[in-house]
Amino acid sequence: MPTPVKQERRDLAIILAGLMLVLFASPLILWWSNPQMPWYMPYVLWLLVILLAGYLQWRRLKHEP
C-alpha cells in the first residue's frame, strides 16, 4: 500500500496530466489557437504547465527527509 505522501504525489501528477489534456487536447484548442489571440499564447500555456510541474517537484524535494 502506498504511503500518503506517495499517494499525494501521484494525485498531483494525475491532476497535472489532466490539466495538460484539457488545455492541449480538448475544444479549448479553438480558444488559444484563435487568430485574434497573441502568437505567443501556446508558449504561455506551456510555461504555466512547466512552472506548475517545477513547483510540484520543488515542494516534493522540500518535504523529503
Protein backbone atom coordinates (compact mmCIF):
# COMPACT_ATOMS: atom_id res chain seq x y z
CA MET A 1 0.00 0.00 0.00
CA PRO A 2 1.47 3.39 -0.98
CA THR A 3 2.27 5.85 1.75
CA PRO A 4 0.11 9.01 1.97
CA VAL A 5 2.97 11.15 0.62
CA LYS A 6 3.45 8.94 -2.43
CA GLN A 7 -0.31 8.86 -2.98
CA GLU A 8 -0.43 12.67 -2.84
CA ARG A 9 2.39 12.92 -5.39
CA ARG A 10 0.58 10.52 -7.69
CA ASP A 11 -2.63 12.52 -7.32
CA LEU A 12 -0.86 15.78 -8.18
CA ALA A 13 0.79 14.20 -11.23
CA ILE A 14 -2.61 12.97 -12.42
CA ILE A 15 -4.08 16.45 -11.91
CA LEU A 16 -1.22 17.98 -13.91
CA ALA A 17 -1.72 15.45 -16.72
CA GLY A 18 -5.44 16.22 -16.70
CA LEU A 19 -4.71 19.94 -16.96
CA MET A 20 -2.48 19.30 -19.95
CA LEU A 21 -5.18 17.22 -21.62
CA VAL A 22 -7.77 19.92 -21.04
CA LEU A 23 -5.50 22.65 -22.44
CA PHE A 24 -3.95 20.82 -25.38
CA ALA A 25 -6.36 18.03 -26.40
CA SER A 26 -9.84 19.45 -25.97
CA PRO A 27 -12.06 22.06 -27.59
CA LEU A 28 -10.04 24.69 -25.70
CA ILE A 29 -7.56 24.45 -28.57
CA LEU A 30 -10.01 26.53 -30.57
CA TRP A 31 -9.75 29.27 -27.94
CA TRP A 32 -5.98 29.60 -27.71
CA SER A 33 -5.32 28.94 -31.40
CA ASN A 34 -7.80 31.61 -32.45
CA PRO A 35 -6.21 34.11 -34.91
CA GLN A 36 -7.19 37.02 -32.62
CA MET A 37 -5.11 35.58 -29.76
CA PRO A 38 -1.46 36.67 -29.47
CA TRP A 39 1.04 34.44 -31.28
CA TYR A 40 2.72 33.54 -28.00
CA MET A 41 -0.39 32.12 -26.27
CA PRO A 42 0.62 28.42 -26.72
CA TYR A 43 4.02 29.25 -25.23
CA VAL A 44 2.40 30.94 -22.23
CA LEU A 45 0.23 27.88 -21.62
CA TRP A 46 3.25 25.57 -21.82
CA LEU A 47 5.16 27.88 -19.48
CA LEU A 48 2.34 27.62 -16.95
CA VAL A 49 2.40 23.82 -17.16
CA ILE A 50 6.20 23.74 -16.77
CA LEU A 51 6.14 26.17 -13.83
CA LEU A 52 3.43 24.14 -12.12
CA ALA A 53 5.42 20.92 -12.61
CA GLY A 54 8.55 22.64 -11.27
CA TYR A 55 6.65 23.90 -8.24
CA LEU A 56 5.32 20.41 -7.51
CA GLN A 57 8.83 18.97 -7.81
CA TRP A 58 10.29 21.67 -5.54
CA ARG A 59 7.57 21.04 -2.99
CA ARG A 60 8.28 17.31 -3.08
CA LEU A 61 12.02 17.81 -2.56
CA LYS A 62 11.41 20.32 0.23
CA HIS A 63 9.31 17.84 2.21
CA GLU A 64 11.51 14.78 1.72
CA PRO A 65 13.56 13.77 4.76
